[in-house]
Amino acid sequence: MTGHSPGSQQPDHIPAGGEDRWLLVAVAGLLSFVAMLDMNIVNVALADIADGLHVSAAAAQWAVLGYQLPVVALLLPVGRWLDGVGMRSALLVATAGFGLCSALAAAAPWASWLIGARLAQGAFGAVLFVLMPVLALRSVRPELRGRAMSVPATLGPLGAVTGPAMGGLLLDHLGWRAVFLVKIPFCLLALVVAWRAMPRDGGLRLPDRRSAADVLLVGSGVTALLLALTLASGSPGWLVLALAAVPPLWWWLRGPGGRPVVGALQAASLFRAHAAVLALAAGFAAMHYVVALHLQRDDGVSATTTGLTVLAFPLGMGLAGPVGGRLADIPHARLRSRGGTPTGARPVAVIGAALTAAGLLLLVPLGGDWSPVDVAWRLALAGLGMGLNGGPTQALVMGAAPADRTATVGSSVQLARSLGFTLGPALATAAWGPAGGDDGAMAGLTLAAAAACIAVPLLALDGRRPAPVPEKTTDAAATARHP
């Protein structure tokens, strides 16, 4: 990894000597877990935060939104910025800033302090979200790309799923401030390893005026869209917010900031893969929302039993993640696709998506006759599918990215996943509402399964056009045409 900027390096390039840096892949997985953990771990502490800081529940909610909104809103501008700066410097600054903001949030004496710390932490989190797949991509040889990408692709979602359980334990024994402090040791460990293991590859630069305009346009549009999805079940104002998101996003897409992003995705034919990532994330999030709520509210299952039941999904995902990465790399020694992408990545990603869809489809016929065991094995099957799918899909997308746009493509796929996580519960609520009870739960699960099913053909179909085969001619024919 020599050179002066990530954008100047080929994605196949590895450190001098040809050694794979699995320690850096582990750092990518660790920081992916921490960044996704912060998406959900604070939810369980909102009531205690409101009491401790003497604010309303609505004000305390910004301890969550203050992190989530800048993470998603800044992903695309951050991706373009990271394509022109040193990856080591960006990683060190982002990790240190993320840990510092965690400490500031834990020490907050009043709500405005906490919200400000969470907004800044979200900005650093956006950098981490984009950097992690790029770090995994560039730390190993191409033939090991599937295994490397499976590490952050598996540990990231596991952080999101385990966040509420970990937050509940910390809240019960140490109080709400520990929910913010728990991430600091992980950040310190990542800093030490990155400082020692990552070669110097250039410094940072401040964003230019164009980047500032991108942040304003994309940030305002995505923030309005996320707020619209958040309010979809409780206020008619969501439609106004959704419409308000269109002008700034359209202006950005048509301008100098959006055209390179669209061009990178078109050049690698990655729109279908992005749509599949969004669909799977929406299906997973909708399922998680419906199952947890229905078990407790409609079936009277205890919170502990519900938590153990839902834990079947991340357990299956964690077991299958390394397997999916290894399977994606197997055919690479015999055959390689264009752009250096392992040819095994696509079939493994398709099989994983199909297993996820099958697990969710099997939940639908349960109707109102739910038992934790019946639900758990179906969730485990869906989790196995997500584990098989994550790394190969990430390798498929990042491996096809243009050499100077890996961070840009990484940011776009992270945005698709984040929008899916937000869209899923909103759609499930809309499907559940009119029917209610068992019928409403069935409607929500049907929607979740349909979203997962959509991802299967999107991944199966390769959007790239085959390269034209040059016409073979004999020497006599060539001489006749060009005497």
Protein backbone atom coordinates (compact mmCIF):
# COMPACT_ATOMS: atom_id res chain seq x y z
CA MET A 1 0.00 0.00 0.00
CA THR A 2 2.34 2.64 -1.21
CA GLY A 3 1.54 5.87 -2.87
CA HIS A 4 0.07 9.13 -1.71
CA SER A 5 -3.64 8.55 -1.61
CA PRO A 6 -6.11 5.74 -1.62
CA GLY A 7 -7.48 6.93 -4.85
CA SER A 8 -4.16 6.41 -6.57
CA GLN A 9 -3.88 2.76 -5.59
CA GLN A 10 -5.23 -0.26 -7.36
CA PRO A 11 -7.63 -2.30 -5.25
CA ASP A 12 -5.53 -5.41 -5.93
CA HIS A 13 -2.42 -3.79 -4.50
CA ILE A 14 -1.13 -5.25 -1.22
CA PRO A 15 1.83 -4.27 0.98
CA ALA A 16 5.37 -4.83 -0.17
CA GLY A 17 6.48 -8.42 0.10
CA GLY A 18 3.08 -9.80 -0.81
CA GLU A 19 2.04 -10.40 2.80
CA ASP A 20 -1.62 -10.30 3.65
CA ARG A 21 -2.38 -8.00 6.57
CA TRP A 22 -5.09 -9.94 8.40
CA LEU A 23 -4.52 -7.81 11.48
CA LEU A 24 -5.88 -4.85 9.55
CA VAL A 25 -8.82 -6.95 8.38
CA ALA A 26 -9.52 -7.64 12.06
CA VAL A 27 -9.38 -3.88 12.74
CA ALA A 28 -11.92 -3.34 9.95
CA GLY A 29 -14.22 -5.92 11.53
CA LEU A 30 -13.78 -4.49 15.03
CA LEU A 31 -14.57 -0.93 13.99
CA SER A 32 -17.50 -2.08 11.85
CA PHE A 33 -18.92 -3.81 14.94
CA VAL A 34 -18.43 -0.70 17.09
CA ALA A 35 -19.89 1.72 14.54
CA MET A 36 -22.98 -0.45 14.00
CA LEU A 37 -23.29 -1.14 17.74
CA ASP A 38 -23.79 2.58 18.27
CA MET A 39 -26.80 2.54 15.95
CA ASN A 40 -28.93 0.60 18.49
CA ILE A 41 -27.20 0.36 21.86
CA VAL A 42 -28.47 3.75 23.06
CA ASN A 43 -32.14 2.96 22.35
CA VAL A 44 -32.59 1.01 25.58
CA ALA A 45 -31.16 3.87 27.66
CA LEU A 46 -33.40 6.71 26.42
CA ALA A 47 -35.72 6.67 29.43
CA ASP A 48 -32.78 6.79 31.85
CA ILE A 49 -31.12 9.56 29.83
CA ALA A 50 -34.33 11.59 29.95
CA ASP A 51 -34.53 11.17 33.75
CA GLY A 52 -30.82 11.76 34.32
CA LEU A 53 -30.63 14.95 32.25
CA HIS A 54 -34.18 16.12 33.17
CA VAL A 55 -35.47 16.35 29.62
CA SER A 56 -38.48 15.00 27.74
CA ALA A 57 -38.50 11.64 25.98
CA ALA A 58 -38.60 13.47 22.63
CA ALA A 59 -35.43 15.40 23.50
CA ALA A 60 -33.69 12.23 24.68
CA GLN A 61 -34.50 10.61 21.32
CA TRP A 62 -31.92 12.91 19.76
CA ALA A 63 -29.22 10.93 21.54
CA VAL A 64 -30.01 8.30 18.87
CA LEU A 65 -30.96 10.52 15.93
CA GLY A 66 -27.96 12.77 16.59
CA TYR A 67 -25.72 9.84 15.64
CA GLN A 68 -27.80 8.16 12.95
CA LEU A 69 -28.59 11.21 10.86
CA PRO A 70 -25.01 12.44 10.19
CA VAL A 71 -23.82 8.87 9.62
CA VAL A 72 -26.25 8.34 6.77
CA ALA A 73 -26.32 11.91 5.47
CA LEU A 74 -22.53 12.18 5.15
CA LEU A 75 -21.76 8.79 3.62
CA LEU A 76 -21.65 9.85 -0.05
CA PRO A 77 -19.70 13.12 0.45
CA VAL A 78 -17.28 11.31 2.76
CA GLY A 79 -16.75 8.60 0.14
CA ARG A 80 -15.70 11.10 -2.51
CA TRP A 81 -13.42 12.88 -0.02
CA LEU A 82 -11.73 9.65 1.08
CA ASP A 83 -10.83 8.76 -2.51
CA GLY A 84 -8.26 11.58 -2.42
CA VAL A 85 -6.68 11.33 1.06
CA GLY A 86 -4.42 8.95 2.97
CA MET A 87 -6.30 5.99 4.41
CA ARG A 88 -4.05 5.63 7.46
CA SER A 89 -4.44 9.26 8.49
CA ALA A 90 -8.19 9.17 7.93
CA LEU A 91 -8.57 5.98 9.97
CA LEU A 92 -6.52 7.28 12.90
CA VAL A 93 -8.36 10.61 13.03
CA ALA A 94 -11.81 9.03 12.65
CA THR A 95 -11.18 6.36 15.30
CA ALA A 96 -9.71 8.85 17.78
CA GLY A 97 -12.57 11.30 17.16
CA PHE A 98 -15.17 8.54 17.56
CA GLY A 99 -13.71 7.45 20.90
CA LEU A 100 -13.34 11.03 22.15
CA CYS A 101 -16.95 11.81 21.31
CA SER A 102 -18.02 8.68 23.19
CA ALA A 103 -16.24 9.99 26.27
CA LEU A 104 -17.81 13.44 25.85
CA ALA A 105 -21.27 11.90 25.51
CA ALA A 106 -20.76 9.86 28.68
CA ALA A 107 -19.69 12.98 30.57
CA ALA A 108 -22.60 15.12 29.32
CA PRO A 109 -24.00 17.37 32.09
CA TRP A 110 -26.98 18.49 30.00
CA ALA A 111 -28.86 17.45 26.88
CA SER A 112 -27.40 19.97 24.41
CA TRP A 113 -23.89 18.73 25.29
CA LEU A 114 -24.96 15.13 24.66
CA ILE A 115 -26.61 15.93 21.33
CA GLY A 116 -23.59 17.90 20.14
CA ALA A 117 -21.25 15.04 21.04
CA ARG A 118 -23.49 12.56 19.23
CA LEU A 119 -23.65 14.72 16.09
CA ALA A 120 -19.85 14.90 15.97
CA GLN A 121 -19.60 11.18 16.67
CA GLY A 122 -21.94 10.51 13.75
CA ALA A 123 -19.63 12.46 11.43
CA PHE A 124 -16.64 10.36 12.52
CA GLY A 125 -18.82 7.26 12.27
CA ALA A 126 -19.59 8.03 8.62
CA VAL A 127 -15.84 7.99 7.87
CA LEU A 128 -15.47 4.63 9.63
CA PHE A 129 -18.41 3.11 7.76
CA VAL A 130 -16.84 4.00 4.41
CA LEU A 131 -13.26 3.10 5.35
CA MET A 132 -13.85 -0.39 6.76
CA PRO A 133 -14.66 -2.27 3.52
CA VAL A 134 -11.90 -0.37 1.71
CA LEU A 135 -9.40 -1.34 4.42
CA ALA A 136 -10.40 -5.01 4.17
CA LEU A 137 -10.23 -4.87 0.37
CA ARG A 138 -6.69 -3.47 0.27
CA SER A 139 -5.19 -5.58 3.05
CA VAL A 140 -5.18 -8.94 1.22
CA ARG A 141 -4.54 -10.40 -2.21
CA PRO A 142 -7.49 -10.61 -4.63
CA GLU A 143 -7.82 -14.36 -4.22
CA LEU A 144 -8.56 -13.84 -0.50
CA ARG A 145 -10.94 -10.95 -0.97
CA GLY A 146 -14.12 -12.87 -0.11
CA ARG A 147 -12.75 -14.02 3.24
CA ALA A 148 -11.49 -10.55 4.09
CA MET A 149 -14.74 -8.80 3.16
CA SER A 150 -16.77 -11.29 5.20
CA VAL A 151 -15.18 -10.00 8.41
CA PRO A 152 -16.62 -6.43 8.44
CA ALA A 153 -19.70 -7.57 6.50
CA THR A 154 -20.55 -10.05 9.29
CA LEU A 155 -19.37 -8.20 12.39
CA GLY A 156 -21.09 -4.94 11.41
CA PRO A 157 -24.66 -6.33 11.37
CA LEU A 158 -23.86 -8.38 14.47
CA GLY A 159 -23.08 -5.13 16.24
CA ALA A 160 -26.47 -3.75 15.26
CA VAL A 161 -28.31 -6.88 16.45
CA THR A 162 -26.46 -7.27 19.76
CA GLY A 163 -26.64 -3.57 20.61
CA PRO A 164 -29.92 -3.65 22.56
CA ALA A 165 -28.91 -6.73 24.59
CA MET A 166 -25.50 -5.28 25.48
CA GLY A 167 -27.06 -1.91 26.26
CA GLY A 168 -29.60 -3.52 28.59
CA LEU A 169 -26.89 -5.30 30.58
CA LEU A 170 -24.83 -2.13 30.94
CA LEU A 171 -27.89 -0.10 31.87
CA ASP A 172 -28.96 -2.51 34.61
CA HIS A 173 -25.54 -2.75 36.25
CA LEU A 174 -23.63 0.46 35.49
CA GLY A 175 -26.10 3.14 34.37
CA TRP A 176 -26.71 4.96 31.09
CA ARG A 177 -23.28 6.60 30.85
CA ALA A 178 -21.64 3.16 30.48
CA VAL A 179 -23.55 2.72 27.22
CA PHE A 180 -21.27 5.35 25.70
CA LEU A 181 -18.08 4.34 27.53
CA VAL A 182 -18.12 0.69 26.41
CA LYS A 183 -16.85 1.58 22.93
CA ILE A 184 -13.70 3.40 24.07
CA PRO A 185 -11.53 0.29 24.75
CA PHE A 186 -12.31 -1.01 21.25
CA CYS A 187 -11.29 2.32 19.75
CA LEU A 188 -8.02 2.39 21.70
CA LEU A 189 -7.16 -1.13 20.58
CA ALA A 190 -7.89 -0.27 16.95
CA LEU A 191 -5.74 2.88 17.22
CA VAL A 192 -2.73 0.99 18.53
CA VAL A 193 -2.94 -1.72 15.87
CA ALA A 194 -3.55 0.73 13.01
CA TRP A 195 -0.70 3.01 14.14
CA ARG A 196 1.76 0.12 14.09
CA ALA A 197 0.51 -1.98 11.17
CA MET A 198 -0.64 0.52 8.55
CA PRO A 199 2.03 2.00 6.28
CA ARG A 200 2.05 5.73 5.71
CA ASP A 201 0.14 6.58 2.55
CA GLY A 202 -0.35 10.33 2.54
CA GLY A 203 -2.05 12.91 4.71
CA LEU A 204 -5.44 14.55 4.95
CA ARG A 205 -6.83 17.63 3.27
CA LEU A 206 -9.76 19.80 4.12
CA PRO A 207 -12.87 19.38 1.97
CA ASP A 208 -13.14 21.96 -0.79
CA ARG A 209 -16.16 24.13 -1.58
CA ARG A 210 -17.64 21.46 -3.82
CA SER A 211 -17.47 18.94 -0.98
CA ALA A 212 -19.16 21.44 1.34
CA ALA A 213 -21.95 21.88 -1.22
CA ASP A 214 -22.28 18.09 -1.50
CA VAL A 215 -22.62 17.81 2.27
CA LEU A 216 -25.34 20.47 2.28
CA LEU A 217 -27.35 18.96 -0.57
CA VAL A 218 -27.00 15.28 0.28
CA GLY A 219 -27.21 15.89 4.01
CA SER A 220 -30.43 17.88 3.80
CA GLY A 221 -32.04 15.46 1.35
CA VAL A 222 -31.12 12.26 3.19
CA THR A 223 -32.00 13.78 6.58
CA ALA A 224 -35.45 14.73 5.32
CA LEU A 225 -35.91 11.23 3.88
CA LEU A 226 -34.85 9.51 7.11
CA LEU A 227 -37.11 11.72 9.22
CA ALA A 228 -39.98 10.96 6.84
CA LEU A 229 -39.42 7.22 7.29
CA THR A 230 -39.16 7.64 11.07
CA LEU A 231 -42.44 9.57 11.25
CA ALA A 232 -44.29 7.42 8.72
CA SER A 233 -46.43 5.67 11.33
CA GLY A 234 -47.21 8.58 13.57
CA SER A 235 -47.66 11.81 11.67
CA PRO A 236 -49.06 12.91 8.32
CA GLY A 237 -46.11 15.28 8.00
CA TRP A 238 -43.93 12.44 6.72
CA LEU A 239 -45.17 12.95 3.16
CA VAL A 240 -44.14 16.61 3.22
CA LEU A 241 -40.66 15.62 4.43
CA ALA A 242 -40.38 12.93 1.77
CA LEU A 243 -41.23 15.42 -0.96
CA ALA A 244 -38.80 17.95 0.54
CA ALA A 245 -35.98 15.42 0.11
CA VAL A 246 -36.37 15.28 -3.68
CA PRO A 247 -35.07 18.74 -4.83
CA PRO A 248 -31.68 18.72 -3.04
CA LEU A 249 -30.96 15.09 -3.96
CA TRP A 250 -31.94 15.69 -7.60
CA TRP A 251 -29.80 18.83 -7.74
CA TRP A 252 -26.85 16.89 -6.32
CA LEU A 253 -27.28 13.99 -8.75
CA ARG A 254 -27.32 16.37 -11.71
CA GLY A 255 -24.33 18.39 -10.46
CA PRO A 256 -20.55 17.89 -10.29
CA GLY A 257 -20.84 16.08 -6.97
CA GLY A 258 -23.30 13.38 -8.00
CA ARG A 259 -22.14 12.66 -11.54
CA PRO A 260 -18.89 10.88 -10.50
CA VAL A 261 -20.84 8.66 -8.08
CA VAL A 262 -23.42 7.70 -10.71
CA GLY A 263 -20.65 7.23 -13.27
CA ALA A 264 -18.72 4.86 -10.97
CA LEU A 265 -21.81 2.74 -10.38
CA GLN A 266 -22.68 2.70 -14.08
CA ALA A 267 -19.14 1.79 -15.11
CA ALA A 268 -19.20 -1.27 -12.86
CA SER A 269 -22.93 -2.04 -13.39
CA LEU A 270 -23.56 -2.03 -9.64
CA PHE A 271 -27.09 -0.63 -9.42
CA ARG A 272 -28.67 -4.10 -9.15
CA ALA A 273 -26.27 -5.13 -6.41
CA HIS A 274 -27.06 -1.95 -4.47
CA ALA A 275 -30.79 -2.59 -4.84
CA ALA A 276 -30.25 -6.14 -3.53
CA VAL A 277 -28.35 -4.84 -0.50
CA LEU A 278 -31.17 -2.39 0.25
CA ALA A 279 -33.85 -5.07 -0.18
CA LEU A 280 -32.11 -7.58 2.12
CA ALA A 281 -31.51 -4.92 4.78
CA ALA A 282 -35.16 -3.84 4.61
CA GLY A 283 -36.36 -7.44 4.87
CA PHE A 284 -34.10 -8.15 7.85
CA ALA A 285 -35.09 -4.96 9.68
CA ALA A 286 -38.81 -5.49 9.05
CA MET A 287 -38.60 -9.09 10.28
CA HIS A 288 -36.69 -8.13 13.43
CA TYR A 289 -39.22 -5.41 14.23
CA VAL A 290 -42.30 -7.61 13.68
CA VAL A 291 -41.00 -10.71 15.49
CA ALA A 292 -39.82 -8.90 18.61
CA LEU A 293 -42.97 -6.80 18.90
CA HIS A 294 -45.42 -9.63 18.16
CA LEU A 295 -43.83 -12.09 20.59
CA GLN A 296 -44.02 -9.65 23.49
CA ARG A 297 -47.17 -7.67 22.76
CA ASP A 298 -49.49 -10.25 21.18
CA ASP A 299 -48.18 -13.58 22.49
CA GLY A 300 -47.16 -12.41 25.98
CA VAL A 301 -43.63 -13.86 25.76
CA SER A 302 -41.17 -12.43 28.29
CA ALA A 303 -38.48 -9.99 27.23
CA THR A 304 -35.76 -12.51 28.12
CA THR A 305 -37.33 -15.28 26.03
CA THR A 306 -37.88 -12.86 23.16
CA GLY A 307 -34.25 -11.80 23.27
CA LEU A 308 -33.03 -15.39 23.24
CA THR A 309 -35.38 -16.23 20.35
CA VAL A 310 -34.25 -13.32 18.22
CA LEU A 311 -30.62 -14.19 19.06
CA ALA A 312 -30.96 -17.20 16.73
CA PHE A 313 -30.55 -14.87 13.74
CA PRO A 314 -27.15 -13.35 14.66
CA LEU A 315 -25.96 -16.77 15.82
CA GLY A 316 -26.65 -18.25 12.38
CA MET A 317 -25.14 -15.22 10.72
CA GLY A 318 -21.97 -15.38 12.78
CA LEU A 319 -21.49 -19.07 11.99
CA ALA A 320 -22.05 -18.71 8.25
CA GLY A 321 -20.10 -15.47 7.67
CA PRO A 322 -16.60 -17.00 7.51
CA VAL A 323 -17.94 -19.92 5.46
CA GLY A 324 -19.43 -17.56 2.88
CA GLY A 325 -16.16 -15.70 2.47
CA ARG A 326 -14.18 -18.90 2.04
CA LEU A 327 -16.62 -20.33 -0.51
CA ALA A 328 -16.51 -17.10 -2.50
CA ASP A 329 -12.73 -17.41 -2.85
CA ILE A 330 -12.55 -21.08 -3.94
CA PRO A 331 -13.00 -20.65 -7.73
CA HIS A 332 -10.60 -17.72 -7.88
CA ALA A 333 -7.52 -19.90 -8.42
CA ARG A 334 -9.07 -21.42 -11.57
CA LEU A 335 -10.93 -18.54 -13.13
CA ARG A 336 -11.27 -14.81 -12.62
CA SER A 337 -13.94 -12.47 -13.82
CA ARG A 338 -13.30 -9.07 -15.27
CA GLY A 339 -12.03 -6.52 -12.77
CA GLY A 340 -10.49 -9.13 -10.46
CA THR A 341 -13.73 -10.04 -8.68
CA PRO A 342 -13.79 -13.64 -7.40
CA THR A 343 -16.10 -15.58 -9.70
CA GLY A 344 -17.44 -17.53 -6.71
CA ALA A 345 -18.78 -14.41 -5.01
CA ARG A 346 -21.97 -14.12 -7.06
CA PRO A 347 -23.32 -17.69 -6.67
CA VAL A 348 -22.57 -17.72 -2.94
CA ALA A 349 -24.28 -14.33 -2.54
CA VAL A 350 -27.32 -15.63 -4.44
CA ILE A 351 -27.52 -18.80 -2.34
CA GLY A 352 -27.28 -16.72 0.84
CA ALA A 353 -30.06 -14.38 -0.27
CA ALA A 354 -32.22 -17.39 -1.21
CA LEU A 355 -31.73 -18.97 2.23
CA THR A 356 -32.62 -15.68 3.90
CA ALA A 357 -35.78 -15.43 1.80
CA ALA A 358 -36.65 -19.05 2.61
CA GLY A 359 -36.28 -18.46 6.35
CA LEU A 360 -38.54 -15.40 6.22
CA LEU A 361 -41.09 -17.13 3.98
CA LEU A 362 -41.34 -20.00 6.48
CA LEU A 363 -42.36 -17.51 9.18
CA VAL A 364 -45.47 -16.40 7.27
CA PRO A 365 -47.52 -19.65 7.54
CA LEU A 366 -47.17 -19.66 11.33
CA GLY A 367 -50.06 -17.20 11.51
CA GLY A 368 -51.02 -16.66 15.15
CA ASP A 369 -49.62 -19.97 16.41
CA TRP A 370 -46.17 -18.81 17.41
CA SER A 371 -43.77 -20.60 19.73
CA PRO A 372 -40.22 -19.43 20.44
CA VAL A 373 -38.73 -22.70 19.14
CA ASP A 374 -40.69 -22.55 15.86
CA VAL A 375 -39.61 -18.96 15.33
CA ALA A 376 -35.99 -19.51 16.40
CA TRP A 377 -35.05 -22.20 13.85
CA ARG A 378 -36.56 -20.16 11.02
CA LEU A 379 -34.60 -17.11 12.16
CA ALA A 380 -31.45 -19.25 12.34
CA LEU A 381 -31.98 -20.31 8.72
CA ALA A 382 -32.42 -16.69 7.65
CA GLY A 383 -29.32 -15.75 9.65
CA LEU A 384 -27.28 -18.46 7.92
CA GLY A 385 -28.35 -16.96 4.61
CA MET A 386 -27.38 -13.43 5.62
CA GLY A 387 -24.00 -14.70 6.82
CA LEU A 388 -23.35 -16.45 3.50
CA ASN A 389 -24.48 -13.37 1.58
CA GLY A 390 -22.66 -10.56 3.39
CA GLY A 391 -19.01 -11.07 2.52
CA PRO A 392 -19.48 -12.28 -1.07
CA THR A 393 -21.84 -9.40 -1.88
CA GLN A 394 -19.38 -6.89 -0.41
CA ALA A 395 -16.53 -8.50 -2.38
CA LEU A 396 -18.66 -8.45 -5.53
CA VAL A 397 -19.39 -4.74 -5.18
CA MET A 398 -16.00 -3.51 -3.99
CA GLY A 399 -14.06 -5.74 -6.38
CA ALA A 400 -15.93 -4.28 -9.35
CA ALA A 401 -15.38 -0.68 -8.25
CA PRO A 402 -13.11 1.52 -10.41
CA ALA A 403 -9.60 1.73 -8.96
CA ASP A 404 -9.87 5.40 -8.07
CA ARG A 405 -13.43 5.20 -6.72
CA THR A 406 -13.35 2.40 -4.14
CA ALA A 407 -14.33 4.69 -1.25
CA THR A 408 -17.10 6.24 -3.35
CA VAL A 409 -18.58 2.83 -4.11
CA GLY A 410 -18.10 1.76 -0.50
CA SER A 411 -20.08 4.79 0.67
CA SER A 412 -22.90 4.15 -1.78
CA VAL A 413 -23.38 0.52 -0.70
CA GLN A 414 -23.33 1.58 2.96
CA LEU A 415 -26.00 4.16 2.18
CA ALA A 416 -28.15 1.50 0.50
CA ARG A 417 -27.81 -0.75 3.56
CA SER A 418 -28.58 2.08 6.00
CA LEU A 419 -31.67 3.15 4.06
CA GLY A 420 -32.84 -0.46 4.07
CA PHE A 421 -32.46 -0.71 7.84
CA THR A 422 -34.61 2.43 8.20
CA LEU A 423 -37.12 1.54 5.49
CA GLY A 424 -37.87 -1.97 6.80
CA PRO A 425 -39.57 -1.04 10.11
CA ALA A 426 -41.46 1.82 8.46
CA LEU A 427 -42.91 -0.50 5.80
CA ALA A 428 -43.65 -3.21 8.37
CA THR A 429 -45.55 -0.71 10.51
CA ALA A 430 -47.56 0.46 7.52
CA ALA A 431 -48.44 -3.16 6.63
CA TRP A 432 -49.24 -4.11 10.23
CA GLY A 433 -51.39 -1.11 11.07
CA PRO A 434 -54.61 -1.73 9.08
CA ALA A 435 -55.02 -5.37 10.17
CA GLY A 436 -53.45 -5.47 13.63
CA GLY A 437 -52.86 -8.55 15.78
CA ASP A 438 -51.95 -11.85 14.11
CA ASP A 439 -53.08 -10.71 10.66
CA GLY A 440 -50.98 -7.56 10.94
CA ALA A 441 -47.91 -9.54 11.98
CA MET A 442 -48.44 -11.87 9.03
CA ALA A 443 -48.70 -8.88 6.69
CA GLY A 444 -45.45 -7.42 8.05
CA LEU A 445 -43.63 -10.72 7.69
CA THR A 446 -44.97 -11.18 4.16
CA LEU A 447 -43.53 -7.80 3.25
CA ALA A 448 -40.17 -8.73 4.83
CA ALA A 449 -40.06 -12.01 2.90
CA ALA A 450 -41.00 -10.28 -0.35
CA ALA A 451 -38.14 -7.81 0.07
CA ALA A 452 -35.67 -10.69 0.59
CA CYS A 453 -37.06 -12.54 -2.43
CA ILE A 454 -36.52 -9.47 -4.63
CA ALA A 455 -32.81 -9.53 -3.77
CA VAL A 456 -32.29 -13.01 -5.25
CA PRO A 457 -32.79 -12.18 -8.98
CA LEU A 458 -31.08 -8.81 -8.51
CA LEU A 459 -27.91 -10.61 -7.40
CA ALA A 460 -28.26 -13.48 -9.86
CA LEU A 461 -28.34 -11.24 -12.92
CA ASP A 462 -24.97 -9.82 -13.91
CA GLY A 463 -25.60 -6.33 -15.24
CA ARG A 464 -22.30 -6.10 -17.11
CA ARG A 465 -22.32 -6.45 -20.83
CA PRO A 466 -19.91 -9.04 -22.19
CA ALA A 467 -16.88 -7.63 -23.90
CA PRO A 468 -17.07 -7.85 -27.69
CA VAL A 469 -15.04 -10.69 -29.14
CA PRO A 470 -12.68 -9.46 -31.86
CA GLU A 471 -13.39 -10.99 -35.26
CA LYS A 472 -10.72 -13.42 -36.34
CA THR A 473 -9.47 -13.05 -39.88
CA THR A 474 -6.97 -14.93 -41.96
CA ASP A 475 -3.82 -13.26 -43.17
CA ALA A 476 -5.09 -13.52 -46.76
CA ALA A 477 -8.37 -11.82 -45.89
CA ALA A 478 -6.58 -9.10 -43.98
CA THR A 479 -4.26 -8.53 -46.93
CA ALA A 480 -7.20 -8.35 -49.31
CA ARG A 481 -8.88 -5.67 -47.20
CA HIS A 482 -5.66 -3.74 -46.57
CA PRO A 483 -3.40 -4.29 -49.53
